[in-house]
Amino acid sequence: MLYAQNLQLHYDFGKDRKHLTSTVELFKPDKWGSTFFFVDMDYGANDVKGVSLAYFEIARSFNLGKTPLAAHIEYNGGFGQYHAGEYPHAYQIEDAWLGGVEYIYNNEDFSRGITLQMLYKYIRDKHNASFQLTLVWYLNMLNNKLTFTGFADYWKEDMWLFQDEIYSKTRFVFMSEPQLWYNFTPNFSAGSEIETGYNFGGIKGFRINPTLGIKWTF
């Protein structure tokens, strides 16, 4: 049975970023389905001394009989802060509740697998009816020495974008975070994450933010 609980620390080399991000992540299956959550925290971004962003996702899946399908419920939310001149400011990442169905595939030895989620999405004070499509994957190679994992999200959300001192608006957002890890031991890994976004985080068009990271798996 798959089980993963880990702590990651990344240094972000993206344009105008240059900060640390920690991630606490857990995935735990059981006889009814599985539970997943992660907490991301940025440190030192936007001229902030300390935590500049905190973001949380938690999801629960319930198996639908002996099929590869499961019912899925999820919550997302967070907040951030930044400095503009001498003054600190804060912003909210709107609460979102999601629900829908997912398709799960794992091969016999759990060396590779994918999950495809098709979800209804409610964003507080913004959208009563939106949607999100999510793909999650993992692939263990070279006798588990190399692990390729990640996710891709595509969803509907009205969002203001800023580029070249011009504001514009989008209705659809895409982001993906593939990770490649070399596992020195079953517990310690080093690798990289490539955060790819399109109209994500208020930035118009494509933006790629590479990181270098270490991971400890409990």
N, C-alpha and C. Protein backbone atom coordinates (compact mmCIF):
# COMPACT_ATOMS: atom_id res chain seq x y z
N MET A 1 0.85 -1.19 0.00
CA MET A 1 0.00 0.00 0.00
C MET A 1 0.89 1.24 0.00
N LEU A 2 0.54 2.25 -0.82
CA LEU A 2 1.28 3.50 -0.88
C LEU A 2 1.04 4.33 0.37
N TYR A 3 2.12 4.95 0.86
CA TYR A 3 1.99 5.89 1.96
C TYR A 3 3.15 6.87 1.84
N ALA A 4 2.87 8.15 1.97
CA ALA A 4 3.92 9.14 1.84
C ALA A 4 3.65 10.31 2.76
N GLN A 5 4.64 10.64 3.58
CA GLN A 5 4.61 11.86 4.38
C GLN A 5 5.99 12.47 4.29
N ASN A 6 6.10 13.71 3.83
CA ASN A 6 7.42 14.27 3.60
C ASN A 6 7.45 15.77 3.89
N LEU A 7 8.69 16.25 4.08
CA LEU A 7 8.97 17.67 4.26
C LEU A 7 9.96 18.08 3.18
N GLN A 8 9.61 19.15 2.44
CA GLN A 8 10.46 19.64 1.36
C GLN A 8 10.88 21.08 1.64
N LEU A 9 12.09 21.43 1.18
CA LEU A 9 12.56 22.81 1.24
C LEU A 9 13.16 23.15 -0.13
N HIS A 10 12.60 24.20 -0.77
CA HIS A 10 13.01 24.61 -2.11
C HIS A 10 13.54 26.04 -2.09
N TYR A 11 14.54 26.30 -2.95
CA TYR A 11 14.93 27.67 -3.25
C TYR A 11 14.46 28.00 -4.64
N ASP A 12 13.65 29.05 -4.77
CA ASP A 12 13.00 29.42 -6.02
C ASP A 12 13.89 30.39 -6.79
N PHE A 13 14.27 30.00 -8.03
CA PHE A 13 15.12 30.82 -8.88
C PHE A 13 14.32 31.66 -9.87
N GLY A 14 12.97 31.66 -9.78
CA GLY A 14 12.14 32.37 -10.75
C GLY A 14 12.38 33.86 -10.74
N LYS A 15 11.99 34.52 -11.83
CA LYS A 15 12.16 35.96 -11.98
C LYS A 15 11.42 36.69 -10.85
N ASP A 16 12.13 37.61 -10.20
CA ASP A 16 11.57 38.42 -9.11
C ASP A 16 11.13 37.58 -7.92
N ARG A 17 11.70 36.38 -7.74
CA ARG A 17 11.29 35.53 -6.62
C ARG A 17 12.45 35.36 -5.64
N LYS A 18 13.38 34.44 -5.91
CA LYS A 18 14.58 34.29 -5.07
C LYS A 18 14.24 34.15 -3.60
N HIS A 19 13.40 33.16 -3.27
CA HIS A 19 13.03 32.95 -1.88
C HIS A 19 12.92 31.46 -1.59
N LEU A 20 12.79 31.12 -0.30
CA LEU A 20 12.64 29.74 0.13
C LEU A 20 11.15 29.39 0.25
N THR A 21 10.84 28.13 -0.05
CA THR A 21 9.48 27.59 0.14
C THR A 21 9.59 26.25 0.84
N SER A 22 8.82 26.08 1.91
CA SER A 22 8.73 24.77 2.55
C SER A 22 7.39 24.15 2.23
N THR A 23 7.37 22.82 2.12
CA THR A 23 6.16 22.07 1.86
C THR A 23 6.08 20.89 2.81
N VAL A 24 4.98 20.78 3.51
CA VAL A 24 4.67 19.58 4.30
C VAL A 24 3.54 18.86 3.57
N GLU A 25 3.75 17.58 3.29
CA GLU A 25 2.82 16.86 2.42
C GLU A 25 2.54 15.48 3.00
N LEU A 26 1.29 15.06 2.90
CA LEU A 26 0.90 13.71 3.35
C LEU A 26 -0.08 13.11 2.37
N PHE A 27 0.14 11.86 2.02
CA PHE A 27 -0.83 11.05 1.28
C PHE A 27 -0.97 9.73 2.00
N LYS A 28 -2.22 9.39 2.40
CA LYS A 28 -2.44 8.17 3.17
C LYS A 28 -3.70 7.47 2.68
N PRO A 29 -3.55 6.29 2.04
CA PRO A 29 -4.72 5.51 1.63
C PRO A 29 -5.22 4.63 2.78
N ASP A 30 -6.47 4.25 2.70
CA ASP A 30 -7.06 3.32 3.64
C ASP A 30 -8.12 2.50 2.92
N LYS A 31 -8.88 1.69 3.65
CA LYS A 31 -9.82 0.79 2.99
C LYS A 31 -11.01 1.53 2.38
N TRP A 32 -11.24 2.79 2.78
CA TRP A 32 -12.36 3.56 2.23
C TRP A 32 -11.94 4.47 1.07
N GLY A 33 -10.65 4.79 0.98
CA GLY A 33 -10.18 5.72 -0.05
C GLY A 33 -8.82 6.26 0.33
N SER A 34 -8.67 7.59 0.36
CA SER A 34 -7.38 8.19 0.70
C SER A 34 -7.57 9.62 1.19
N THR A 35 -6.58 10.08 1.97
CA THR A 35 -6.53 11.45 2.44
C THR A 35 -5.23 12.08 1.94
N PHE A 36 -5.32 13.33 1.48
CA PHE A 36 -4.13 14.04 1.02
C PHE A 36 -4.19 15.48 1.51
N PHE A 37 -3.06 16.00 1.97
CA PHE A 37 -2.98 17.43 2.24
C PHE A 37 -1.56 17.92 2.04
N PHE A 38 -1.43 19.23 1.80
CA PHE A 38 -0.12 19.85 1.83
C PHE A 38 -0.26 21.29 2.32
N VAL A 39 0.82 21.79 2.91
CA VAL A 39 0.92 23.18 3.35
C VAL A 39 2.19 23.76 2.75
N ASP A 40 2.04 24.83 1.96
CA ASP A 40 3.16 25.58 1.40
C ASP A 40 3.35 26.87 2.19
N MET A 41 4.61 27.21 2.48
CA MET A 41 4.92 28.49 3.11
C MET A 41 6.13 29.09 2.40
N ASP A 42 5.98 30.35 1.95
CA ASP A 42 7.10 31.10 1.38
C ASP A 42 7.74 31.96 2.46
N TYR A 43 9.06 32.15 2.32
CA TYR A 43 9.81 32.92 3.30
C TYR A 43 10.64 33.99 2.59
N GLY A 44 10.44 35.25 3.00
CA GLY A 44 11.30 36.32 2.52
C GLY A 44 10.95 36.90 1.18
N ALA A 45 9.81 36.52 0.59
CA ALA A 45 9.39 37.11 -0.68
C ALA A 45 8.76 38.48 -0.44
N ASN A 46 8.79 39.33 -1.46
CA ASN A 46 8.11 40.64 -1.45
C ASN A 46 8.57 41.52 -0.28
N ASP A 47 9.87 41.44 0.03
CA ASP A 47 10.47 42.28 1.07
C ASP A 47 9.90 42.00 2.47
N VAL A 48 9.36 40.82 2.66
CA VAL A 48 8.83 40.43 3.97
C VAL A 48 9.89 39.65 4.73
N LYS A 49 10.08 40.00 6.00
CA LYS A 49 10.98 39.25 6.85
C LYS A 49 10.19 38.17 7.57
N GLY A 50 10.33 36.94 7.13
CA GLY A 50 9.55 35.85 7.70
C GLY A 50 8.63 35.25 6.67
N VAL A 51 7.49 34.73 7.13
CA VAL A 51 6.55 34.04 6.25
C VAL A 51 5.81 35.07 5.40
N SER A 52 5.93 34.95 4.09
CA SER A 52 5.27 35.88 3.17
C SER A 52 4.03 35.29 2.52
N LEU A 53 3.87 33.97 2.57
CA LEU A 53 2.68 33.32 2.03
C LEU A 53 2.47 31.99 2.73
N ALA A 54 1.20 31.67 3.01
CA ALA A 54 0.84 30.37 3.56
C ALA A 54 -0.37 29.86 2.78
N TYR A 55 -0.29 28.62 2.30
CA TYR A 55 -1.35 28.06 1.46
C TYR A 55 -1.58 26.61 1.86
N PHE A 56 -2.86 26.19 1.90
CA PHE A 56 -3.24 24.88 2.43
C PHE A 56 -4.26 24.22 1.50
N GLU A 57 -4.04 22.94 1.22
CA GLU A 57 -5.04 22.12 0.52
C GLU A 57 -5.22 20.81 1.27
N ILE A 58 -6.47 20.38 1.38
CA ILE A 58 -6.76 19.07 1.96
C ILE A 58 -7.86 18.42 1.14
N ALA A 59 -7.71 17.13 0.86
CA ALA A 59 -8.65 16.42 0.02
C ALA A 59 -8.90 15.03 0.58
N ARG A 60 -10.12 14.56 0.37
CA ARG A 60 -10.50 13.21 0.77
C ARG A 60 -11.20 12.54 -0.40
N SER A 61 -10.80 11.28 -0.68
CA SER A 61 -11.42 10.48 -1.74
C SER A 61 -12.06 9.24 -1.13
N PHE A 62 -13.21 8.86 -1.68
CA PHE A 62 -13.96 7.69 -1.24
C PHE A 62 -14.13 6.73 -2.41
N ASN A 63 -13.61 5.51 -2.26
CA ASN A 63 -13.71 4.53 -3.32
C ASN A 63 -15.16 4.25 -3.69
N LEU A 64 -15.40 4.09 -4.98
CA LEU A 64 -16.73 3.72 -5.46
C LEU A 64 -16.71 2.24 -5.82
N GLY A 65 -16.92 1.41 -4.80
CA GLY A 65 -16.92 -0.04 -4.99
C GLY A 65 -15.56 -0.54 -5.43
N LYS A 66 -15.57 -1.51 -6.36
CA LYS A 66 -14.34 -2.12 -6.86
C LYS A 66 -13.85 -1.44 -8.13
N THR A 67 -14.46 -0.32 -8.50
CA THR A 67 -14.09 0.38 -9.73
C THR A 67 -12.84 1.23 -9.49
N PRO A 68 -12.21 1.73 -10.57
CA PRO A 68 -11.08 2.65 -10.41
C PRO A 68 -11.53 4.09 -10.15
N LEU A 69 -12.82 4.29 -9.87
CA LEU A 69 -13.37 5.61 -9.64
C LEU A 69 -13.52 5.89 -8.15
N ALA A 70 -13.47 7.17 -7.79
CA ALA A 70 -13.66 7.58 -6.40
C ALA A 70 -14.36 8.93 -6.37
N ALA A 71 -15.16 9.15 -5.34
CA ALA A 71 -15.71 10.47 -5.08
C ALA A 71 -14.65 11.32 -4.39
N HIS A 72 -14.63 12.61 -4.70
CA HIS A 72 -13.55 13.48 -4.24
C HIS A 72 -14.13 14.77 -3.66
N ILE A 73 -13.68 15.17 -2.45
CA ILE A 73 -14.01 16.47 -1.88
C ILE A 73 -12.71 17.15 -1.45
N GLU A 74 -12.69 18.50 -1.48
CA GLU A 74 -11.42 19.20 -1.29
C GLU A 74 -11.67 20.63 -0.81
N TYR A 75 -10.73 21.15 -0.04
CA TYR A 75 -10.73 22.56 0.37
C TYR A 75 -9.37 23.16 0.08
N ASN A 76 -9.35 24.41 -0.43
CA ASN A 76 -8.12 25.18 -0.67
C ASN A 76 -8.26 26.56 -0.03
N GLY A 77 -7.17 27.11 0.47
CA GLY A 77 -7.21 28.48 0.99
C GLY A 77 -5.86 28.92 1.50
N GLY A 78 -5.72 30.25 1.68
CA GLY A 78 -4.46 30.77 2.19
C GLY A 78 -4.45 32.28 2.23
N PHE A 79 -3.28 32.84 2.52
CA PHE A 79 -3.13 34.29 2.57
C PHE A 79 -1.66 34.62 2.37
N GLY A 80 -1.39 35.90 2.08
CA GLY A 80 -0.03 36.36 1.91
C GLY A 80 0.12 37.79 2.38
N GLN A 81 1.37 38.25 2.41
CA GLN A 81 1.65 39.64 2.77
C GLN A 81 2.82 40.14 1.95
N TYR A 82 2.90 41.47 1.82
CA TYR A 82 3.97 42.09 1.06
C TYR A 82 4.17 43.52 1.56
N HIS A 83 5.29 44.10 1.16
CA HIS A 83 5.58 45.49 1.50
C HIS A 83 5.48 46.34 0.24
N ALA A 84 4.79 47.47 0.34
CA ALA A 84 4.74 48.47 -0.72
C ALA A 84 5.27 49.77 -0.11
N GLY A 85 6.51 50.09 -0.44
CA GLY A 85 7.14 51.21 0.23
C GLY A 85 7.44 50.86 1.68
N GLU A 86 7.01 51.70 2.61
CA GLU A 86 7.27 51.47 4.02
C GLU A 86 6.20 50.63 4.70
N TYR A 87 5.11 50.37 3.99
CA TYR A 87 3.93 49.83 4.67
C TYR A 87 3.66 48.38 4.28
N PRO A 88 3.31 47.54 5.26
CA PRO A 88 2.94 46.16 4.96
C PRO A 88 1.49 46.06 4.50
N HIS A 89 1.23 45.12 3.62
CA HIS A 89 -0.13 44.86 3.12
C HIS A 89 -0.35 43.35 3.13
N ALA A 90 -1.61 42.97 3.18
CA ALA A 90 -1.97 41.55 3.18
C ALA A 90 -3.03 41.28 2.12
N TYR A 91 -3.08 40.04 1.67
CA TYR A 91 -4.11 39.65 0.71
C TYR A 91 -4.57 38.23 1.02
N GLN A 92 -5.76 37.91 0.55
CA GLN A 92 -6.36 36.60 0.78
C GLN A 92 -6.36 35.78 -0.50
N ILE A 93 -6.04 34.52 -0.38
CA ILE A 93 -6.29 33.56 -1.47
C ILE A 93 -7.67 32.98 -1.18
N GLU A 94 -8.64 33.31 -2.02
CA GLU A 94 -10.03 33.00 -1.71
C GLU A 94 -10.24 31.51 -1.38
N ASP A 95 -11.03 31.26 -0.33
CA ASP A 95 -11.42 29.89 -0.01
C ASP A 95 -12.10 29.25 -1.21
N ALA A 96 -11.80 27.98 -1.44
CA ALA A 96 -12.44 27.24 -2.53
C ALA A 96 -12.79 25.84 -2.03
N TRP A 97 -14.02 25.40 -2.36
CA TRP A 97 -14.47 24.05 -2.07
C TRP A 97 -14.71 23.34 -3.39
N LEU A 98 -14.23 22.11 -3.48
CA LEU A 98 -14.33 21.35 -4.71
C LEU A 98 -14.95 19.98 -4.43
N GLY A 99 -15.64 19.45 -5.42
CA GLY A 99 -16.21 18.12 -5.31
C GLY A 99 -16.43 17.53 -6.68
N GLY A 100 -16.26 16.21 -6.79
CA GLY A 100 -16.45 15.57 -8.08
C GLY A 100 -16.02 14.13 -8.05
N VAL A 101 -15.44 13.70 -9.14
CA VAL A 101 -15.07 12.29 -9.29
C VAL A 101 -13.64 12.22 -9.80
N GLU A 102 -12.94 11.13 -9.46
CA GLU A 102 -11.60 10.94 -9.97
C GLU A 102 -11.41 9.50 -10.45
N TYR A 103 -10.54 9.38 -11.44
CA TYR A 103 -10.14 8.07 -11.98
C TYR A 103 -8.72 7.79 -11.51
N ILE A 104 -8.48 6.60 -10.96
CA ILE A 104 -7.20 6.25 -10.36
C ILE A 104 -6.61 5.03 -11.05
N TYR A 105 -5.34 5.13 -11.44
CA TYR A 105 -4.63 3.98 -11.99
C TYR A 105 -3.28 3.83 -11.29
N ASN A 106 -2.98 2.64 -10.80
CA ASN A 106 -1.66 2.27 -10.29
C ASN A 106 -1.30 0.91 -10.88
N ASN A 107 -0.05 0.74 -11.29
CA ASN A 107 0.33 -0.58 -11.77
C ASN A 107 0.53 -1.53 -10.58
N GLU A 108 0.81 -2.78 -10.85
CA GLU A 108 0.78 -3.81 -9.80
C GLU A 108 1.79 -3.56 -8.69
N ASP A 109 2.98 -3.06 -9.02
CA ASP A 109 3.99 -2.84 -7.98
C ASP A 109 4.04 -1.39 -7.51
N PHE A 110 3.07 -0.58 -7.91
CA PHE A 110 2.99 0.83 -7.50
C PHE A 110 4.25 1.62 -7.86
N SER A 111 4.86 1.27 -8.99
CA SER A 111 6.01 2.04 -9.46
C SER A 111 5.57 3.22 -10.33
N ARG A 112 4.34 3.21 -10.80
CA ARG A 112 3.82 4.34 -11.57
C ARG A 112 2.30 4.39 -11.45
N GLY A 113 1.77 5.59 -11.60
CA GLY A 113 0.33 5.74 -11.50
C GLY A 113 -0.10 7.15 -11.87
N ILE A 114 -1.40 7.30 -12.16
CA ILE A 114 -1.98 8.61 -12.46
C ILE A 114 -3.35 8.70 -11.79
N THR A 115 -3.76 9.93 -11.51
CA THR A 115 -5.10 10.22 -11.04
C THR A 115 -5.62 11.41 -11.83
N LEU A 116 -6.82 11.26 -12.41
CA LEU A 116 -7.46 12.34 -13.16
C LEU A 116 -8.72 12.75 -12.41
N GLN A 117 -8.83 14.03 -12.07
CA GLN A 117 -9.95 14.54 -11.30
C GLN A 117 -10.77 15.53 -12.14
N MET A 118 -12.08 15.37 -12.09
CA MET A 118 -13.01 16.29 -12.75
C MET A 118 -13.92 16.86 -11.66
N LEU A 119 -13.77 18.17 -11.37
CA LEU A 119 -14.32 18.73 -10.15
C LEU A 119 -15.17 19.97 -10.40
N TYR A 120 -16.26 20.08 -9.66
CA TYR A 120 -17.00 21.32 -9.50
C TYR A 120 -16.23 22.17 -8.48
N LYS A 121 -16.20 23.50 -8.69
CA LYS A 121 -15.42 24.37 -7.82
C LYS A 121 -16.24 25.59 -7.42
N TYR A 122 -16.36 25.82 -6.11
CA TYR A 122 -16.99 27.02 -5.58
C TYR A 122 -15.91 27.88 -4.95
N ILE A 123 -15.79 29.15 -5.39
CA ILE A 123 -14.81 30.08 -4.87
C ILE A 123 -15.56 31.16 -4.11
N ARG A 124 -15.28 31.27 -2.82
CA ARG A 124 -16.05 32.17 -1.96
C ARG A 124 -16.05 33.62 -2.50
N ASP A 125 -17.27 34.20 -2.57
CA ASP A 125 -17.48 35.60 -2.97
C ASP A 125 -16.96 35.89 -4.38
N LYS A 126 -16.81 34.82 -5.20
CA LYS A 126 -16.28 35.03 -6.54
C LYS A 126 -17.03 34.23 -7.59
N HIS A 127 -17.11 32.91 -7.38
CA HIS A 127 -17.80 32.04 -8.35
C HIS A 127 -18.61 31.00 -7.59
N ASN A 128 -19.91 30.98 -7.85
CA ASN A 128 -20.74 29.92 -7.28
C ASN A 128 -20.62 28.62 -8.06
N ALA A 129 -20.27 28.72 -9.33
CA ALA A 129 -20.18 27.52 -10.18
C ALA A 129 -19.00 27.66 -11.13
N SER A 130 -17.92 26.98 -10.80
CA SER A 130 -16.75 26.93 -11.66
C SER A 130 -16.34 25.46 -11.80
N PHE A 131 -15.17 25.21 -12.38
CA PHE A 131 -14.72 23.82 -12.53
C PHE A 131 -13.21 23.78 -12.42
N GLN A 132 -12.68 22.58 -12.17
CA GLN A 132 -11.24 22.35 -12.19
C GLN A 132 -10.96 20.95 -12.69
N LEU A 133 -9.97 20.82 -13.56
CA LEU A 133 -9.46 19.54 -14.03
C LEU A 133 -8.05 19.38 -13.48
N THR A 134 -7.78 18.23 -12.88
CA THR A 134 -6.48 18.00 -12.25
C THR A 134 -5.92 16.65 -12.68
N LEU A 135 -4.64 16.63 -13.02
CA LEU A 135 -3.92 15.40 -13.32
C LEU A 135 -2.76 15.29 -12.34
N VAL A 136 -2.67 14.15 -11.66
CA VAL A 136 -1.57 13.86 -10.72
C VAL A 136 -0.86 12.60 -11.20
N TRP A 137 0.46 12.59 -11.12
CA TRP A 137 1.20 11.41 -11.58
C TRP A 137 2.42 11.14 -10.71
N TYR A 138 2.92 9.90 -10.77
CA TYR A 138 4.20 9.54 -10.17
C TYR A 138 4.81 8.41 -10.98
N LEU A 139 6.14 8.39 -11.02
CA LEU A 139 6.88 7.36 -11.75
C LEU A 139 8.19 7.13 -11.03
N ASN A 140 8.39 5.92 -10.52
CA ASN A 140 9.65 5.53 -9.86
C ASN A 140 10.50 4.74 -10.84
N MET A 141 11.77 5.13 -10.97
CA MET A 141 12.66 4.53 -11.95
C MET A 141 13.98 4.13 -11.31
N LEU A 142 14.77 3.33 -12.03
CA LEU A 142 16.12 2.94 -11.61
C LEU A 142 16.12 2.37 -10.19
N ASN A 143 15.24 1.37 -9.98
CA ASN A 143 15.13 0.72 -8.67
C ASN A 143 14.83 1.74 -7.56
N ASN A 144 13.92 2.65 -7.88
CA ASN A 144 13.45 3.68 -6.94
C ASN A 144 14.50 4.73 -6.61
N LYS A 145 15.57 4.80 -7.37
CA LYS A 145 16.56 5.85 -7.16
C LYS A 145 16.10 7.20 -7.74
N LEU A 146 15.24 7.16 -8.75
CA LEU A 146 14.78 8.38 -9.41
C LEU A 146 13.26 8.40 -9.40
N THR A 147 12.69 9.52 -8.98
CA THR A 147 11.23 9.67 -8.90
C THR A 147 10.80 10.91 -9.66
N PHE A 148 9.86 10.73 -10.58
CA PHE A 148 9.26 11.83 -11.33
C PHE A 148 7.79 11.92 -10.91
N THR A 149 7.41 13.06 -10.35
CA THR A 149 6.06 13.21 -9.83
C THR A 149 5.58 14.63 -10.07
N GLY A 150 4.28 14.87 -9.86
CA GLY A 150 3.78 16.22 -10.02
C GLY A 150 2.29 16.26 -10.28
N PHE A 151 1.82 17.46 -10.61
CA PHE A 151 0.40 17.65 -10.90
C PHE A 151 0.24 18.77 -11.92
N ALA A 152 -0.94 18.82 -12.54
CA ALA A 152 -1.32 19.92 -13.43
C ALA A 152 -2.78 20.25 -13.16
N ASP A 153 -3.07 21.55 -13.00
CA ASP A 153 -4.43 22.04 -12.74
C ASP A 153 -4.84 23.01 -13.84
N TYR A 154 -6.10 22.90 -14.27
CA TYR A 154 -6.70 23.87 -15.20
C TYR A 154 -8.06 24.20 -14.65
N TRP A 155 -8.33 25.49 -14.41
CA TRP A 155 -9.60 25.84 -13.80
C TRP A 155 -10.10 27.18 -14.29
N LYS A 156 -11.39 27.44 -14.02
CA LYS A 156 -12.03 28.70 -14.39
C LYS A 156 -12.05 29.62 -13.19
N GLU A 157 -11.49 30.84 -13.37
CA GLU A 157 -11.53 31.85 -12.34
C GLU A 157 -11.24 33.21 -12.96
N ASP A 158 -12.09 34.18 -12.70
CA ASP A 158 -11.83 35.55 -13.13
C ASP A 158 -10.65 36.10 -12.33
N MET A 159 -9.63 36.56 -13.04
CA MET A 159 -8.42 36.99 -12.35
C MET A 159 -7.79 38.17 -13.10
N TRP A 160 -7.41 39.20 -12.35
CA TRP A 160 -6.72 40.34 -12.93
C TRP A 160 -5.24 40.00 -13.12
N LEU A 161 -4.68 40.43 -14.27
CA LEU A 161 -3.29 40.17 -14.62
C LEU A 161 -2.58 41.50 -14.83
N PHE A 162 -1.28 41.50 -14.62
CA PHE A 162 -0.50 42.72 -14.76
C PHE A 162 0.77 42.42 -15.54
N GLN A 163 0.99 43.18 -16.61
CA GLN A 163 2.21 43.04 -17.40
C GLN A 163 2.49 44.37 -18.10
N ASP A 164 3.75 44.81 -18.02
CA ASP A 164 4.17 46.05 -18.67
C ASP A 164 3.28 47.22 -18.27
N GLU A 165 2.94 47.29 -16.98
CA GLU A 165 2.13 48.35 -16.40
C GLU A 165 0.73 48.42 -17.01
N ILE A 166 0.25 47.31 -17.55
CA ILE A 166 -1.09 47.23 -18.13
C ILE A 166 -1.85 46.11 -17.44
N TYR A 167 -3.09 46.41 -17.00
CA TYR A 167 -3.95 45.40 -16.39
C TYR A 167 -4.85 44.78 -17.45
N SER A 168 -5.05 43.47 -17.33
CA SER A 168 -5.99 42.76 -18.18
C SER A 168 -6.66 41.69 -17.33
N LYS A 169 -7.60 40.98 -17.92
CA LYS A 169 -8.37 40.00 -17.15
C LYS A 169 -8.43 38.68 -17.90
N THR A 170 -8.40 37.59 -17.14
CA THR A 170 -8.56 36.27 -17.73
C THR A 170 -9.66 35.51 -17.02
N ARG A 171 -10.19 34.48 -17.65
CA ARG A 171 -11.22 33.65 -17.04
C ARG A 171 -10.71 32.24 -16.76
N PHE A 172 -9.53 31.89 -17.29
CA PHE A 172 -9.02 30.53 -17.15
C PHE A 172 -7.55 30.56 -16.75
N VAL A 173 -7.18 29.62 -15.88
CA VAL A 173 -5.84 29.58 -15.31
C VAL A 173 -5.29 28.16 -15.42
N PHE A 174 -3.98 28.07 -15.68
CA PHE A 174 -3.31 26.76 -15.72
C PHE A 174 -2.04 26.84 -14.89
N MET A 175 -1.76 25.79 -14.14
CA MET A 175 -0.47 25.66 -13.48
C MET A 175 -0.08 24.19 -13.34
N SER A 176 1.22 23.95 -13.33
CA SER A 176 1.74 22.60 -13.18
C SER A 176 3.04 22.66 -12.40
N GLU A 177 3.29 21.63 -11.59
CA GLU A 177 4.53 21.57 -10.80
C GLU A 177 5.14 20.17 -10.89
N PRO A 178 5.80 19.84 -12.00
CA PRO A 178 6.54 18.57 -12.07
C PRO A 178 7.79 18.62 -11.20
N GLN A 179 8.08 17.50 -10.56
CA GLN A 179 9.26 17.38 -9.70
C GLN A 179 10.07 16.15 -10.13
N LEU A 180 11.39 16.29 -10.08
CA LEU A 180 12.29 15.17 -10.34
C LEU A 180 13.24 15.06 -9.15
N TRP A 181 13.25 13.87 -8.50
CA TRP A 181 14.04 13.65 -7.29
C TRP A 181 15.02 12.50 -7.48
N TYR A 182 16.24 12.69 -6.99
CA TYR A 182 17.17 11.57 -6.86
C TYR A 182 17.16 11.16 -5.39
N ASN A 183 16.86 9.87 -5.16
CA ASN A 183 16.69 9.35 -3.80
C ASN A 183 18.00 8.72 -3.32
N PHE A 184 18.75 9.46 -2.52
CA PHE A 184 20.01 8.95 -1.99
C PHE A 184 19.76 7.79 -1.02
N THR A 185 18.69 7.90 -0.24
CA THR A 185 18.24 6.83 0.65
C THR A 185 16.72 6.81 0.55
N PRO A 186 16.04 5.82 1.17
CA PRO A 186 14.57 5.86 1.17
C PRO A 186 14.00 7.10 1.85
N ASN A 187 14.82 7.79 2.66
CA ASN A 187 14.33 8.97 3.39
C ASN A 187 14.78 10.30 2.79
N PHE A 188 16.00 10.37 2.25
CA PHE A 188 16.56 11.65 1.82
C PHE A 188 16.67 11.73 0.30
N SER A 189 16.16 12.86 -0.25
CA SER A 189 16.19 13.08 -1.70
C SER A 189 16.60 14.52 -1.99
N ALA A 190 17.15 14.71 -3.19
CA ALA A 190 17.45 16.05 -3.69
C ALA A 190 16.98 16.13 -5.13
N GLY A 191 16.52 17.31 -5.53
CA GLY A 191 16.02 17.43 -6.89
C GLY A 191 15.54 18.82 -7.22
N SER A 192 14.54 18.87 -8.09
CA SER A 192 14.08 20.15 -8.61
C SER A 192 12.59 20.10 -8.88
N GLU A 193 11.97 21.28 -8.77
CA GLU A 193 10.57 21.47 -9.17
C GLU A 193 10.55 22.58 -10.22
N ILE A 194 9.72 22.40 -11.25
CA ILE A 194 9.56 23.42 -12.28
C ILE A 194 8.11 23.91 -12.22
N GLU A 195 7.89 25.03 -11.55
CA GLU A 195 6.52 25.58 -11.49
C GLU A 195 6.24 26.30 -12.81
N THR A 196 5.23 25.82 -13.52
CA THR A 196 4.83 26.41 -14.80
C THR A 196 3.41 26.95 -14.66
N GLY A 197 3.23 28.22 -14.98
CA GLY A 197 1.92 28.82 -14.87
C GLY A 197 1.54 29.58 -16.13
N TYR A 198 0.27 29.60 -16.43
CA TYR A 198 -0.26 30.43 -17.52
C TYR A 198 -1.40 31.25 -16.94
N ASN A 199 -1.23 32.57 -16.92
CA ASN A 199 -2.20 33.48 -16.29
C ASN A 199 -2.41 33.12 -14.82
N PHE A 200 -1.33 32.76 -14.15
CA PHE A 200 -1.39 32.33 -12.76
C PHE A 200 -0.67 33.35 -11.87
N GLY A 201 -1.23 33.58 -10.69
CA GLY A 201 -0.59 34.47 -9.72
C GLY A 201 -0.53 35.91 -10.17
N GLY A 202 -1.49 36.33 -11.00
CA GLY A 202 -1.53 37.71 -11.46
C GLY A 202 -0.56 38.04 -12.58
N ILE A 203 0.15 37.02 -13.12
CA ILE A 203 1.13 37.23 -14.19
C ILE A 203 0.53 36.78 -15.52
N LYS A 204 0.51 37.66 -16.49
CA LYS A 204 -0.06 37.34 -17.79
C LYS A 204 0.86 36.43 -18.59
N GLY A 205 0.26 35.44 -19.28
CA GLY A 205 1.02 34.55 -20.13
C GLY A 205 1.75 33.48 -19.33
N PHE A 206 2.75 32.87 -19.98
CA PHE A 206 3.51 31.79 -19.35
C PHE A 206 4.60 32.34 -18.44
N ARG A 207 4.80 31.64 -17.33
CA ARG A 207 5.90 31.94 -16.42
C ARG A 207 6.44 30.61 -15.90
N ILE A 208 7.77 30.44 -15.96
CA ILE A 208 8.41 29.21 -15.48
C ILE A 208 9.34 29.58 -14.33
N ASN A 209 9.16 28.92 -13.19
CA ASN A 209 9.97 29.19 -12.01
C ASN A 209 10.65 27.89 -11.55
N PRO A 210 11.92 27.73 -11.85
CA PRO A 210 12.63 26.51 -11.41
C PRO A 210 13.10 26.62 -9.97
N THR A 211 13.21 25.49 -9.30
CA THR A 211 13.73 25.45 -7.94
C THR A 211 14.78 24.35 -7.81
N LEU A 212 15.57 24.44 -6.75
CA LEU A 212 16.39 23.34 -6.26
C LEU A 212 15.88 23.00 -4.88
N GLY A 213 15.75 21.70 -4.59
CA GLY A 213 15.15 21.34 -3.32
C GLY A 213 15.75 20.07 -2.71
N ILE A 214 15.46 19.92 -1.43
CA ILE A 214 15.75 18.69 -0.70
C ILE A 214 14.46 18.19 -0.05
N LYS A 215 14.38 16.90 0.18
CA LYS A 215 13.16 16.30 0.73
C LYS A 215 13.51 15.20 1.73
N TRP A 216 12.80 15.20 2.83
CA TRP A 216 12.92 14.13 3.82
C TRP A 216 11.58 13.42 3.91
N THR A 217 11.57 12.11 3.63
CA THR A 217 10.37 11.29 3.67
C THR A 217 10.35 10.51 4.98
N PHE A 218 9.30 10.66 5.74
CA PHE A 218 9.19 10.02 7.04
C PHE A 218 8.72 8.57 6.91
